[in-house]
Structures are given as structure tokens and as C-alpha cells.
N, C-alpha and C. Protein backbone atom coordinates (compact mmCIF):
# COMPACT_ATOMS: atom_id res chain seq x y z
N UNK A 1 190.12 20.30 -55.43
CA UNK A 1 189.75 20.21 -54.03
C UNK A 1 191.00 19.91 -53.22
N UNK A 2 191.10 20.52 -52.05
CA UNK A 2 192.29 20.36 -51.22
C UNK A 2 192.35 19.02 -50.51
N UNK A 3 193.45 18.83 -49.85
CA UNK A 3 193.69 17.61 -49.11
C UNK A 3 192.82 17.61 -47.85
N UNK A 4 192.38 16.41 -47.41
CA UNK A 4 191.53 16.28 -46.23
C UNK A 4 192.32 16.71 -45.00
N UNK A 5 191.67 17.45 -44.11
CA UNK A 5 192.32 17.95 -42.91
C UNK A 5 192.67 16.80 -41.96
N UNK A 6 193.80 16.95 -41.29
CA UNK A 6 194.21 15.95 -40.31
C UNK A 6 193.49 16.17 -38.98
N UNK A 7 192.78 17.29 -38.85
CA UNK A 7 192.07 17.60 -37.61
C UNK A 7 190.59 17.26 -37.73
N UNK A 8 189.98 16.94 -36.61
CA UNK A 8 188.54 16.69 -36.58
C UNK A 8 187.82 18.04 -36.53
N UNK A 9 186.52 18.02 -36.77
CA UNK A 9 185.73 19.25 -36.67
C UNK A 9 185.76 19.78 -35.24
N UNK A 10 185.79 18.87 -34.26
CA UNK A 10 185.85 19.30 -32.86
C UNK A 10 187.15 20.06 -32.59
N UNK A 11 188.26 19.55 -33.14
CA UNK A 11 189.54 20.23 -32.95
C UNK A 11 189.54 21.60 -33.63
N UNK A 12 188.97 21.68 -34.83
CA UNK A 12 188.88 22.97 -35.51
C UNK A 12 188.03 23.95 -34.70
N UNK A 13 186.96 23.44 -34.12
CA UNK A 13 186.09 24.30 -33.29
C UNK A 13 186.86 24.81 -32.08
N UNK A 14 187.68 23.93 -31.46
CA UNK A 14 188.51 24.36 -30.32
C UNK A 14 189.47 25.46 -30.74
N UNK A 15 190.09 25.30 -31.89
CA UNK A 15 191.01 26.32 -32.39
C UNK A 15 190.27 27.64 -32.58
N UNK A 16 189.08 27.57 -33.18
CA UNK A 16 188.29 28.78 -33.40
C UNK A 16 187.96 29.48 -32.09
N UNK A 17 187.56 28.73 -31.08
CA UNK A 17 187.23 29.32 -29.78
C UNK A 17 188.46 29.94 -29.13
N UNK A 18 189.57 29.26 -29.23
CA UNK A 18 190.80 29.78 -28.62
C UNK A 18 191.30 31.03 -29.34
N UNK A 19 191.11 31.08 -30.66
CA UNK A 19 191.47 32.30 -31.40
C UNK A 19 190.63 33.47 -30.92
N UNK A 20 189.33 33.22 -30.71
CA UNK A 20 188.45 34.28 -30.24
C UNK A 20 188.85 34.78 -28.85
N UNK A 21 189.46 33.90 -28.07
CA UNK A 21 189.90 34.29 -26.73
C UNK A 21 191.24 35.00 -26.76
N UNK A 22 191.84 35.11 -27.96
CA UNK A 22 193.06 35.89 -28.11
C UNK A 22 194.35 35.10 -28.25
N UNK A 23 194.25 33.78 -28.31
CA UNK A 23 195.48 33.00 -28.46
C UNK A 23 196.04 33.18 -29.88
N UNK A 24 197.34 33.11 -30.00
CA UNK A 24 198.01 33.35 -31.28
C UNK A 24 197.85 32.14 -32.20
N UNK A 25 197.61 32.44 -33.47
CA UNK A 25 197.46 31.39 -34.48
C UNK A 25 198.70 30.54 -34.63
N UNK A 26 199.88 31.14 -34.51
CA UNK A 26 201.12 30.36 -34.70
C UNK A 26 201.31 29.37 -33.57
N UNK A 27 200.92 29.74 -32.35
CA UNK A 27 201.03 28.83 -31.20
C UNK A 27 200.06 27.66 -31.38
N UNK A 28 198.84 27.97 -31.80
CA UNK A 28 197.85 26.92 -32.02
C UNK A 28 198.26 26.01 -33.18
N UNK A 29 198.86 26.59 -34.20
CA UNK A 29 199.31 25.80 -35.35
C UNK A 29 200.35 24.78 -34.91
N UNK A 30 201.30 25.22 -34.09
CA UNK A 30 202.33 24.31 -33.58
C UNK A 30 201.70 23.21 -32.72
N UNK A 31 200.79 23.62 -31.82
CA UNK A 31 200.16 22.66 -30.91
C UNK A 31 199.35 21.60 -31.65
N UNK A 32 198.61 22.00 -32.69
CA UNK A 32 197.74 21.07 -33.40
C UNK A 32 198.41 20.43 -34.62
N UNK A 33 199.62 20.86 -34.93
CA UNK A 33 200.34 20.26 -36.05
C UNK A 33 199.79 20.62 -37.42
N UNK A 34 199.31 21.86 -37.55
CA UNK A 34 198.83 22.36 -38.85
C UNK A 34 199.56 23.67 -39.14
N UNK A 35 199.45 24.13 -40.36
CA UNK A 35 200.12 25.39 -40.70
C UNK A 35 199.30 26.58 -40.21
N UNK A 36 200.01 27.64 -39.92
CA UNK A 36 199.34 28.88 -39.52
C UNK A 36 198.46 29.39 -40.66
N UNK A 37 198.91 29.14 -41.90
CA UNK A 37 198.12 29.56 -43.07
C UNK A 37 196.78 28.82 -43.12
N UNK A 38 196.77 27.54 -42.73
CA UNK A 38 195.51 26.78 -42.72
C UNK A 38 194.54 27.37 -41.71
N UNK A 39 195.07 27.78 -40.56
CA UNK A 39 194.23 28.40 -39.54
C UNK A 39 193.70 29.74 -40.03
N UNK A 40 194.58 30.55 -40.63
CA UNK A 40 194.15 31.85 -41.17
C UNK A 40 193.08 31.66 -42.24
N UNK A 41 193.29 30.67 -43.11
CA UNK A 41 192.34 30.43 -44.20
C UNK A 41 190.97 30.06 -43.64
N UNK A 42 190.97 29.24 -42.61
CA UNK A 42 189.71 28.77 -42.06
C UNK A 42 189.02 29.80 -41.18
N UNK A 43 189.80 30.58 -40.44
CA UNK A 43 189.19 31.45 -39.42
C UNK A 43 189.48 32.93 -39.57
N UNK A 44 190.39 33.32 -40.45
CA UNK A 44 190.82 34.71 -40.52
C UNK A 44 189.70 35.73 -40.58
N UNK A 45 188.94 35.72 -41.63
CA UNK A 45 187.87 36.71 -41.82
C UNK A 45 186.75 36.49 -40.81
N UNK A 46 186.44 35.22 -40.53
CA UNK A 46 185.33 34.92 -39.62
C UNK A 46 185.64 35.40 -38.20
N UNK A 47 186.86 35.18 -37.74
CA UNK A 47 187.23 35.60 -36.39
C UNK A 47 187.09 37.11 -36.25
N UNK A 48 187.56 37.85 -37.23
CA UNK A 48 187.44 39.30 -37.20
C UNK A 48 185.98 39.73 -37.20
N UNK A 49 185.18 39.07 -38.04
CA UNK A 49 183.75 39.40 -38.12
C UNK A 49 183.06 39.11 -36.79
N UNK A 50 183.37 37.99 -36.18
CA UNK A 50 182.76 37.64 -34.89
C UNK A 50 183.13 38.68 -33.84
N UNK A 51 184.40 39.07 -33.80
CA UNK A 51 184.84 40.08 -32.83
C UNK A 51 184.15 41.41 -33.08
N UNK A 52 184.04 41.81 -34.33
CA UNK A 52 183.35 43.07 -34.67
C UNK A 52 181.89 43.03 -34.22
N UNK A 53 181.21 41.93 -34.52
CA UNK A 53 179.79 41.80 -34.14
C UNK A 53 179.66 41.79 -32.62
N UNK A 54 180.56 41.08 -31.93
CA UNK A 54 180.52 41.04 -30.47
C UNK A 54 180.69 42.45 -29.90
N UNK A 55 181.63 43.23 -30.46
CA UNK A 55 181.82 44.61 -30.00
C UNK A 55 180.59 45.46 -30.26
N UNK A 56 179.96 45.25 -31.41
CA UNK A 56 178.74 45.99 -31.72
C UNK A 56 177.61 45.62 -30.75
N UNK A 57 177.52 44.33 -30.41
CA UNK A 57 176.50 43.88 -29.45
C UNK A 57 176.72 44.51 -28.08
N UNK A 58 177.97 44.54 -27.64
CA UNK A 58 178.29 45.15 -26.35
C UNK A 58 177.91 46.63 -26.37
N UNK A 59 178.27 47.32 -27.44
CA UNK A 59 177.94 48.75 -27.55
C UNK A 59 176.43 48.96 -27.56
N UNK A 60 175.72 48.11 -28.31
CA UNK A 60 174.26 48.25 -28.38
C UNK A 60 173.62 47.96 -27.03
N UNK A 61 174.09 46.91 -26.35
CA UNK A 61 173.52 46.58 -25.04
C UNK A 61 173.81 47.67 -24.02
N UNK A 62 174.99 48.28 -24.10
CA UNK A 62 175.34 49.37 -23.20
C UNK A 62 174.44 50.57 -23.46
N UNK A 63 174.27 50.91 -24.74
CA UNK A 63 173.40 52.04 -25.09
C UNK A 63 171.96 51.75 -24.69
N UNK A 64 171.53 50.50 -24.91
CA UNK A 64 170.16 50.11 -24.55
C UNK A 64 169.95 50.23 -23.04
N UNK A 65 170.93 49.75 -22.26
CA UNK A 65 170.82 49.80 -20.81
C UNK A 65 170.82 51.22 -20.26
N UNK A 66 171.40 52.15 -21.00
CA UNK A 66 171.46 53.54 -20.56
C UNK A 66 170.13 54.28 -20.78
N UNK A 67 169.25 53.68 -21.56
CA UNK A 67 167.96 54.32 -21.82
C UNK A 67 167.03 54.13 -20.64
N UNK A 68 166.12 55.09 -20.42
CA UNK A 68 165.07 54.88 -19.42
C UNK A 68 164.18 53.70 -19.87
N UNK A 69 163.51 53.08 -18.93
CA UNK A 69 162.70 51.89 -19.22
C UNK A 69 161.70 52.13 -20.35
N UNK A 70 161.04 53.26 -20.35
CA UNK A 70 160.07 53.57 -21.41
C UNK A 70 160.72 53.60 -22.78
N UNK A 71 161.91 54.18 -22.83
CA UNK A 71 162.64 54.25 -24.10
C UNK A 71 163.16 52.87 -24.50
N UNK A 72 163.51 52.03 -23.52
CA UNK A 72 163.92 50.66 -23.82
C UNK A 72 162.77 49.89 -24.48
N UNK A 73 161.57 50.08 -23.95
CA UNK A 73 160.40 49.42 -24.53
C UNK A 73 160.19 49.92 -25.96
N UNK A 74 160.32 51.23 -26.16
CA UNK A 74 160.16 51.79 -27.51
C UNK A 74 161.23 51.25 -28.45
N UNK A 75 162.46 51.16 -27.97
CA UNK A 75 163.56 50.65 -28.81
C UNK A 75 163.32 49.19 -29.18
N UNK A 76 162.90 48.38 -28.21
CA UNK A 76 162.64 46.96 -28.48
C UNK A 76 161.48 46.82 -29.47
N UNK A 77 160.43 47.61 -29.28
CA UNK A 77 159.28 47.56 -30.19
C UNK A 77 159.70 47.95 -31.60
N UNK A 78 160.49 49.01 -31.73
CA UNK A 78 160.97 49.45 -33.03
C UNK A 78 161.84 48.38 -33.68
N UNK A 79 162.75 47.78 -32.90
CA UNK A 79 163.61 46.72 -33.43
C UNK A 79 162.78 45.54 -33.93
N UNK A 80 161.75 45.16 -33.15
CA UNK A 80 160.88 44.06 -33.58
C UNK A 80 160.14 44.41 -34.87
N UNK A 81 159.68 45.65 -34.97
CA UNK A 81 158.99 46.07 -36.19
C UNK A 81 159.93 46.07 -37.38
N UNK A 82 161.17 46.52 -37.19
CA UNK A 82 162.15 46.51 -38.29
C UNK A 82 162.45 45.08 -38.75
N UNK A 83 162.53 44.14 -37.81
CA UNK A 83 162.75 42.73 -38.18
C UNK A 83 161.56 42.21 -38.98
N UNK A 84 160.35 42.57 -38.55
CA UNK A 84 159.16 42.12 -39.27
C UNK A 84 159.13 42.70 -40.69
N UNK A 85 159.48 43.97 -40.81
CA UNK A 85 159.52 44.59 -42.13
C UNK A 85 160.51 43.85 -43.02
N UNK A 86 161.67 43.54 -42.47
CA UNK A 86 162.69 42.81 -43.22
C UNK A 86 162.17 41.45 -43.67
N UNK A 87 161.51 40.74 -42.76
CA UNK A 87 160.96 39.41 -43.10
C UNK A 87 159.88 39.54 -44.18
N UNK A 88 159.03 40.55 -44.06
CA UNK A 88 157.97 40.74 -45.05
C UNK A 88 158.55 41.11 -46.41
N UNK A 89 159.58 41.95 -46.42
CA UNK A 89 160.22 42.29 -47.69
C UNK A 89 160.85 41.07 -48.34
N UNK A 90 161.48 40.23 -47.54
CA UNK A 90 162.06 39.00 -48.08
C UNK A 90 160.97 38.11 -48.66
N UNK A 91 159.85 38.01 -47.96
CA UNK A 91 158.72 37.22 -48.47
C UNK A 91 158.15 37.82 -49.76
N UNK A 92 158.04 39.15 -49.77
CA UNK A 92 157.53 39.81 -50.97
C UNK A 92 158.48 39.58 -52.14
N UNK A 93 159.78 39.60 -51.88
CA UNK A 93 160.76 39.35 -52.94
C UNK A 93 160.61 37.93 -53.46
N UNK A 94 160.40 36.98 -52.55
CA UNK A 94 160.24 35.58 -52.95
C UNK A 94 158.99 35.41 -53.82
N UNK A 95 157.86 35.95 -53.35
CA UNK A 95 156.63 35.87 -54.14
C UNK A 95 156.74 36.63 -55.45
N UNK A 96 157.39 37.80 -55.39
CA UNK A 96 157.57 38.59 -56.60
C UNK A 96 158.40 37.85 -57.64
N UNK A 97 159.44 37.17 -57.18
CA UNK A 97 160.28 36.41 -58.11
C UNK A 97 159.48 35.27 -58.74
N UNK A 98 158.66 34.59 -57.93
CA UNK A 98 157.84 33.50 -58.47
C UNK A 98 156.81 34.03 -59.47
N UNK A 99 156.22 35.17 -59.14
CA UNK A 99 155.25 35.78 -60.04
C UNK A 99 155.93 36.22 -61.34
N UNK A 100 157.09 36.85 -61.21
CA UNK A 100 157.83 37.29 -62.39
C UNK A 100 158.17 36.10 -63.28
N UNK A 101 158.57 35.01 -62.68
CA UNK A 101 158.91 33.80 -63.44
C UNK A 101 157.69 33.28 -64.20
N UNK A 102 156.57 33.23 -63.51
CA UNK A 102 155.35 32.73 -64.16
C UNK A 102 154.90 33.65 -65.30
N UNK A 103 154.89 34.94 -65.05
CA UNK A 103 154.46 35.89 -66.09
C UNK A 103 155.41 35.86 -67.29
N UNK A 104 156.70 35.75 -67.03
CA UNK A 104 157.66 35.67 -68.13
C UNK A 104 157.44 34.39 -68.94
N UNK A 105 157.10 33.31 -68.26
CA UNK A 105 156.80 32.05 -68.96
C UNK A 105 155.56 32.17 -69.83
N UNK A 106 154.54 32.84 -69.32
CA UNK A 106 153.31 33.05 -70.11
C UNK A 106 153.63 33.92 -71.32
N UNK A 107 154.41 34.99 -71.12
CA UNK A 107 154.79 35.87 -72.23
C UNK A 107 155.58 35.08 -73.28
N UNK A 108 156.48 34.23 -72.81
CA UNK A 108 157.27 33.42 -73.73
C UNK A 108 156.36 32.50 -74.56
N UNK A 109 155.37 31.90 -73.91
CA UNK A 109 154.44 31.01 -74.63
C UNK A 109 153.63 31.78 -75.67
N UNK A 110 153.31 33.05 -75.36
CA UNK A 110 152.52 33.87 -76.29
C UNK A 110 153.29 34.17 -77.58
N UNK A 111 154.62 34.11 -77.53
CA UNK A 111 155.44 34.38 -78.72
C UNK A 111 155.06 33.43 -79.85
N UNK A 112 154.68 32.21 -79.51
CA UNK A 112 154.29 31.22 -80.52
C UNK A 112 153.07 31.66 -81.33
N UNK A 113 152.28 32.58 -80.77
CA UNK A 113 151.06 33.03 -81.46
C UNK A 113 151.34 34.10 -82.52
N UNK A 114 152.56 34.59 -82.59
CA UNK A 114 152.89 35.61 -83.59
C UNK A 114 153.09 34.91 -84.93
N UNK A 115 152.47 35.46 -85.95
CA UNK A 115 152.59 34.92 -87.31
C UNK A 115 153.90 35.45 -87.89
N UNK A 116 154.88 34.55 -88.08
CA UNK A 116 156.18 34.98 -88.59
C UNK A 116 156.08 35.58 -89.99
N UNK A 117 155.14 35.11 -90.77
CA UNK A 117 154.97 35.63 -92.12
C UNK A 117 154.35 37.03 -92.10
N UNK A 118 153.52 37.31 -91.10
CA UNK A 118 152.86 38.61 -90.99
C UNK A 118 152.98 39.11 -89.54
N UNK A 119 154.18 39.47 -89.10
CA UNK A 119 154.37 39.84 -87.69
C UNK A 119 153.69 41.14 -87.29
N UNK A 120 153.26 41.94 -88.26
CA UNK A 120 152.62 43.20 -87.92
C UNK A 120 151.15 43.25 -88.31
N UNK A 121 150.54 42.08 -88.60
CA UNK A 121 149.10 42.10 -88.87
C UNK A 121 148.37 42.32 -87.55
N UNK A 122 147.06 42.52 -87.62
CA UNK A 122 146.28 42.87 -86.43
C UNK A 122 146.40 41.84 -85.31
N UNK A 123 146.29 40.56 -85.66
CA UNK A 123 146.36 39.50 -84.64
C UNK A 123 147.74 39.49 -83.97
N UNK A 124 148.81 39.57 -84.76
CA UNK A 124 150.16 39.55 -84.20
C UNK A 124 150.43 40.77 -83.33
N UNK A 125 149.88 41.94 -83.75
CA UNK A 125 150.06 43.16 -82.96
C UNK A 125 149.40 43.02 -81.59
N UNK A 126 148.23 42.41 -81.57
CA UNK A 126 147.53 42.18 -80.29
C UNK A 126 148.37 41.27 -79.40
N UNK A 127 148.91 40.21 -79.99
CA UNK A 127 149.76 39.28 -79.24
C UNK A 127 151.01 40.01 -78.72
N UNK A 128 151.63 40.83 -79.59
CA UNK A 128 152.80 41.60 -79.16
C UNK A 128 152.45 42.53 -78.00
N UNK A 129 151.28 43.12 -78.05
CA UNK A 129 150.82 43.98 -76.94
C UNK A 129 150.67 43.17 -75.66
N UNK A 130 150.08 41.98 -75.78
CA UNK A 130 149.94 41.10 -74.61
C UNK A 130 151.30 40.74 -74.03
N UNK A 131 152.24 40.43 -74.91
CA UNK A 131 153.60 40.07 -74.47
C UNK A 131 154.25 41.25 -73.75
N UNK A 132 154.06 42.44 -74.31
CA UNK A 132 154.65 43.64 -73.69
C UNK A 132 154.07 43.86 -72.29
N UNK A 133 152.75 43.71 -72.16
CA UNK A 133 152.10 43.89 -70.86
C UNK A 133 152.60 42.84 -69.87
N UNK A 134 152.64 41.58 -70.29
CA UNK A 134 153.10 40.51 -69.40
C UNK A 134 154.56 40.72 -68.98
N UNK A 135 155.39 41.14 -69.92
CA UNK A 135 156.80 41.38 -69.62
C UNK A 135 156.96 42.53 -68.64
N UNK A 136 156.21 43.60 -68.84
CA UNK A 136 156.27 44.74 -67.93
C UNK A 136 155.81 44.34 -66.53
N UNK A 137 154.74 43.55 -66.47
CA UNK A 137 154.26 43.07 -65.17
C UNK A 137 155.29 42.16 -64.50
N UNK A 138 155.94 41.31 -65.28
CA UNK A 138 156.98 40.41 -64.75
C UNK A 138 158.13 41.23 -64.18
N UNK A 139 158.56 42.25 -64.93
CA UNK A 139 159.65 43.10 -64.45
C UNK A 139 159.26 43.83 -63.17
N UNK A 140 158.03 44.30 -63.10
CA UNK A 140 157.54 44.97 -61.89
C UNK A 140 157.51 44.03 -60.70
N UNK A 141 157.07 42.80 -60.94
CA UNK A 141 157.00 41.82 -59.85
C UNK A 141 158.38 41.46 -59.33
N UNK A 142 159.38 41.53 -60.18
CA UNK A 142 160.75 41.17 -59.80
C UNK A 142 161.49 42.31 -59.10
N UNK A 143 160.91 43.50 -59.10
CA UNK A 143 161.63 44.69 -58.64
C UNK A 143 162.11 44.61 -57.20
N UNK A 144 161.27 44.16 -56.26
CA UNK A 144 161.69 44.10 -54.85
C UNK A 144 162.88 43.17 -54.70
N UNK A 145 162.79 42.00 -55.30
CA UNK A 145 163.89 41.04 -55.22
C UNK A 145 165.17 41.59 -55.84
N UNK A 146 165.05 42.25 -56.97
CA UNK A 146 166.23 42.82 -57.63
C UNK A 146 166.88 43.90 -56.76
N UNK A 147 166.06 44.73 -56.13
CA UNK A 147 166.59 45.78 -55.26
C UNK A 147 167.29 45.17 -54.04
N UNK A 148 166.71 44.12 -53.48
CA UNK A 148 167.36 43.45 -52.35
C UNK A 148 168.69 42.83 -52.76
N UNK A 149 168.72 42.23 -53.94
CA UNK A 149 169.98 41.64 -54.43
C UNK A 149 171.03 42.72 -54.64
N UNK A 150 170.61 43.86 -55.20
CA UNK A 150 171.55 44.97 -55.40
C UNK A 150 172.09 45.46 -54.06
N UNK A 151 171.20 45.53 -53.08
CA UNK A 151 171.61 46.02 -51.75
C UNK A 151 172.62 45.08 -51.11
N UNK A 152 172.45 43.78 -51.28
CA UNK A 152 173.40 42.84 -50.68
C UNK A 152 174.73 42.87 -51.41
N UNK A 153 174.73 43.20 -52.70
CA UNK A 153 175.99 43.30 -53.43
C UNK A 153 176.76 44.55 -53.03
N UNK A 154 176.05 45.58 -52.54
CA UNK A 154 176.71 46.80 -52.10
C UNK A 154 177.45 46.60 -50.79
N UNK A 155 177.09 45.55 -50.03
CA UNK A 155 177.74 45.26 -48.77
C UNK A 155 179.05 44.56 -49.08
N UNK A 156 180.14 45.11 -48.59
CA UNK A 156 181.46 44.54 -48.86
C UNK A 156 181.90 43.74 -47.64
N UNK A 157 181.91 42.39 -47.73
CA UNK A 157 182.27 41.59 -46.57
C UNK A 157 183.71 41.79 -46.13
N UNK A 158 184.59 42.28 -47.00
CA UNK A 158 185.99 42.48 -46.64
C UNK A 158 186.23 43.85 -46.01
N UNK A 159 185.17 44.64 -45.90
CA UNK A 159 185.31 45.96 -45.31
C UNK A 159 185.69 45.80 -43.84
N UNK A 160 186.83 46.36 -43.44
CA UNK A 160 187.33 46.19 -42.08
C UNK A 160 186.57 47.02 -41.05
N UNK A 161 185.89 48.05 -41.49
CA UNK A 161 185.28 48.95 -40.54
C UNK A 161 183.78 48.67 -40.44
N UNK A 162 183.29 48.35 -39.23
CA UNK A 162 181.85 48.17 -39.08
C UNK A 162 181.15 49.52 -39.28
N UNK A 163 179.96 49.47 -39.81
CA UNK A 163 179.20 50.69 -40.05
C UNK A 163 178.57 51.15 -38.75
N UNK A 164 178.91 52.36 -38.29
CA UNK A 164 178.30 52.84 -37.05
C UNK A 164 176.83 53.17 -37.28
N UNK A 165 176.05 52.92 -36.26
CA UNK A 165 174.62 53.19 -36.35
C UNK A 165 174.25 54.06 -35.16
N UNK A 166 173.56 55.14 -35.41
CA UNK A 166 173.10 56.01 -34.34
C UNK A 166 171.59 55.97 -34.30
N UNK A 167 171.05 55.70 -33.13
CA UNK A 167 169.60 55.68 -32.95
C UNK A 167 169.28 56.73 -31.90
N UNK A 168 168.39 57.64 -32.25
CA UNK A 168 168.02 58.71 -31.34
C UNK A 168 166.53 58.60 -31.05
N UNK A 169 166.21 58.66 -29.77
CA UNK A 169 164.81 58.62 -29.37
C UNK A 169 164.47 59.95 -28.73
N UNK A 170 163.30 60.44 -29.04
CA UNK A 170 162.82 61.66 -28.42
C UNK A 170 161.39 61.47 -27.98
N UNK A 171 161.06 61.98 -26.81
CA UNK A 171 159.70 61.88 -26.30
C UNK A 171 159.13 63.28 -26.28
N UNK A 172 158.11 63.51 -27.09
CA UNK A 172 157.49 64.83 -27.14
C UNK A 172 156.51 65.01 -25.99
N UNK A 173 155.71 63.97 -25.74
CA UNK A 173 154.70 64.07 -24.72
C UNK A 173 154.49 62.67 -24.15
N UNK A 174 154.65 62.51 -22.88
CA UNK A 174 154.56 61.19 -22.27
C UNK A 174 153.13 60.83 -21.89
N UNK A 175 152.16 61.70 -22.15
CA UNK A 175 150.76 61.40 -21.82
C UNK A 175 150.25 60.25 -22.66
N UNK A 176 149.32 59.50 -22.11
CA UNK A 176 148.72 58.39 -22.84
C UNK A 176 147.36 58.85 -23.36
N UNK A 177 147.13 58.62 -24.65
CA UNK A 177 145.88 59.02 -25.26
C UNK A 177 145.05 57.80 -25.56
N UNK A 178 143.76 57.89 -25.37
CA UNK A 178 142.83 56.83 -25.74
C UNK A 178 142.05 57.27 -26.96
N UNK A 179 141.72 56.29 -27.81
CA UNK A 179 140.89 56.61 -28.98
C UNK A 179 139.49 56.97 -28.57
N UNK A 180 139.02 56.37 -27.50
CA UNK A 180 137.65 56.62 -27.02
C UNK A 180 137.70 57.18 -25.61
N UNK A 181 137.95 58.47 -25.43
CA UNK A 181 138.04 59.03 -24.09
C UNK A 181 136.71 58.87 -23.36
N UNK A 182 136.79 58.61 -22.07
CA UNK A 182 135.58 58.38 -21.26
C UNK A 182 134.85 59.66 -20.97
């Protein structure tokens, strides 16, 4: 573990804010009496990420503002639905992982029922079948969580280039339809 910083958290926060405003790390290092390397270590990747996200927010807000009001409502509704889907998938992954854990535990307990002297007799074969079914169900329950974990590993935090996103809206017919026409 490294040596305790001579700066308070408030001072570090001030440095971070000033870096975001464009002040040079070497100037701040001299002013606060720390090394430029310490500032880079603490804020280097984060400052770049914050600036990238801020630029993406500005671009998104500009694109959003350029849409007609009806399309803005559609975009906001779609964004809210995408957030809900993401939250539901995370919940499903959490429940799936808990279910997989429980089923794997039950399968593990069933192993004790196999007769080591006669592992292929009728009773042991039935137990082996139960274990296979439980294991398959556990693996299936874990699938959403495993896919989400794989997806997060594919994201490279050191990637310097933000991923551009294009959203296109099209209106085929602006008429409003009722399920029960009068």
C-alpha cells in the first residue's frame, strides 16, 4: 500500500475540477506540492472519461433538441423503455444466479445418493439422471448473468474512442388510432 497523501480529499476534488476546466497537471502539481505523476495516477483515465461522456451528452442533447416535439417524446419513451429493459435484465441475472446456485447445491447433495460400489445400478442411474437435469437447469438459470458478464468484459475501459451511436426515427403515419373506435 502506498504512502498516505499529503492532500485532503477536498484538495484532490479541487484538483480534479480544475483539470476538467483545462488547467495543466504540472501547474497544479507545483501549486499543491505533489508530483504530476500522482495527479495523472489519480485522475488521468477518469478525466478523459468524464470529458468523453460530457461531449457525448452535449451531442445527444443537441440531437434531441433538433427533433420535433413528437419525436422527442418518442425518443424519451424509448430511452425509458431501454433503461427498464436493462434493469429487468440485471434483476433476471441476479435471480438466475441465485437459482443456479441453489440448483447446483441440490445436485451436489444428490451425489451422496450414488452407490460408489454400484454406480451404474438402477437406483444410481436414476440419481445420475436427476443430477444431470438439475445441472442443466442450473446452467440455464445462469445464462443471462453469464452473458451480461461476457458483455461487460468485451467493453475495454482503456479504449480512447467513444462508440458512436446513431438513432433514427421515422414516422410512417401520424394519425392516432383507438382500439375501440366510436
